[in-house]
Protein backbone atom coordinates (compact mmCIF):
# COMPACT_ATOMS: atom_id res chain seq x y z
CA MET A 1 -32.64 167.66 86.12
CA PRO A 2 -35.71 165.69 84.64
CA ALA A 3 -39.35 167.49 85.17
CA GLU A 4 -42.61 167.13 83.89
CA ILE A 5 -43.79 170.15 82.01
CA ARG A 6 -47.21 171.35 80.54
CA GLY A 7 -47.65 171.89 76.67
CA ASP A 8 -47.81 175.70 77.25
CA GLU A 9 -44.47 175.52 79.08
CA VAL A 10 -42.80 173.70 76.16
CA TRP A 11 -43.56 176.30 73.71
CA GLN A 12 -42.32 179.17 76.12
CA MET A 13 -39.27 177.27 76.80
CA VAL A 14 -38.53 176.57 73.07
CA ARG A 15 -39.00 180.29 72.49
CA GLY A 16 -36.39 180.89 75.06
CA GLY A 17 -33.93 178.71 73.49
CA ALA A 18 -34.51 175.02 74.72
CA ALA A 19 -33.99 172.29 72.20
CA LEU A 20 -36.95 170.06 71.48
CA VAL A 21 -36.04 166.32 70.76
CA GLU A 22 -38.65 163.78 69.68
CA ALA A 23 -37.31 160.46 70.54
CA LEU A 24 -39.69 158.61 67.97
CA PRO A 25 -38.49 156.25 65.31
CA ALA A 26 -37.49 158.03 62.23
CA GLU A 27 -40.62 156.87 60.18
CA GLU A 28 -42.91 158.15 62.78
CA TYR A 29 -41.06 161.35 63.18
CA GLU A 30 -41.23 161.83 59.46
CA ALA A 31 -45.05 161.32 59.44
CA GLU A 32 -45.67 163.69 62.20
CA HIS A 33 -43.51 165.79 64.67
CA LEU A 34 -43.71 168.95 66.58
CA PRO A 35 -42.72 171.96 64.72
CA GLY A 36 -39.05 172.80 65.41
CA ALA A 37 -38.27 169.30 66.87
CA ILE A 38 -35.33 167.36 65.89
CA ASN A 39 -35.21 163.55 65.82
CA ILE A 40 -33.10 161.38 67.83
CA PRO A 41 -34.69 157.85 68.04
CA LEU A 42 -34.94 156.54 71.75
CA SER A 43 -32.92 153.70 70.63
CA GLN A 44 -30.06 156.12 69.46
CA LEU A 45 -30.24 158.61 72.36
CA ASP A 46 -26.76 158.79 74.07
CA ARG A 47 -23.89 161.03 74.52
CA HIS A 48 -22.80 160.70 70.90
CA SER A 49 -26.38 161.49 69.33
CA THR A 50 -26.68 164.58 71.49
CA ALA A 51 -23.17 165.92 71.32
CA ALA A 52 -24.45 168.83 68.88
CA LEU A 53 -27.04 170.05 71.47
CA GLN A 54 -26.09 173.07 73.52
CA ARG A 55 -25.24 172.04 77.06
CA ASP A 56 -26.28 175.53 78.48
CA GLN A 57 -29.78 175.40 77.29
CA PRO A 58 -32.71 173.26 78.55
CA LEU A 59 -33.38 170.13 76.50
CA ILE A 60 -36.87 168.94 76.40
CA VAL A 61 -37.28 165.05 75.21
CA TYR A 62 -40.59 163.95 74.06
CA CYS A 63 -41.81 160.52 72.96
CA TYR A 64 -45.44 159.81 72.09
CA ASP A 65 -46.53 156.30 72.44
CA LEU A 66 -50.12 154.95 72.24
CA GLN A 67 -49.32 151.64 74.30
């Protein structure tokens, strides 16, 4: 179930086993990303690209856009 969370909650959830996915294009992810995040670009975010993620743990999807 989608929910907005604060920055301090992100790190608490990651320490508890949540996966952190950055939905940035690969070039932007390579230039800068949050520690421990994996990259699945938004254009590739589907059931196949997320198949390896644990279904019993929270999933945090993050995308930073200046526009």
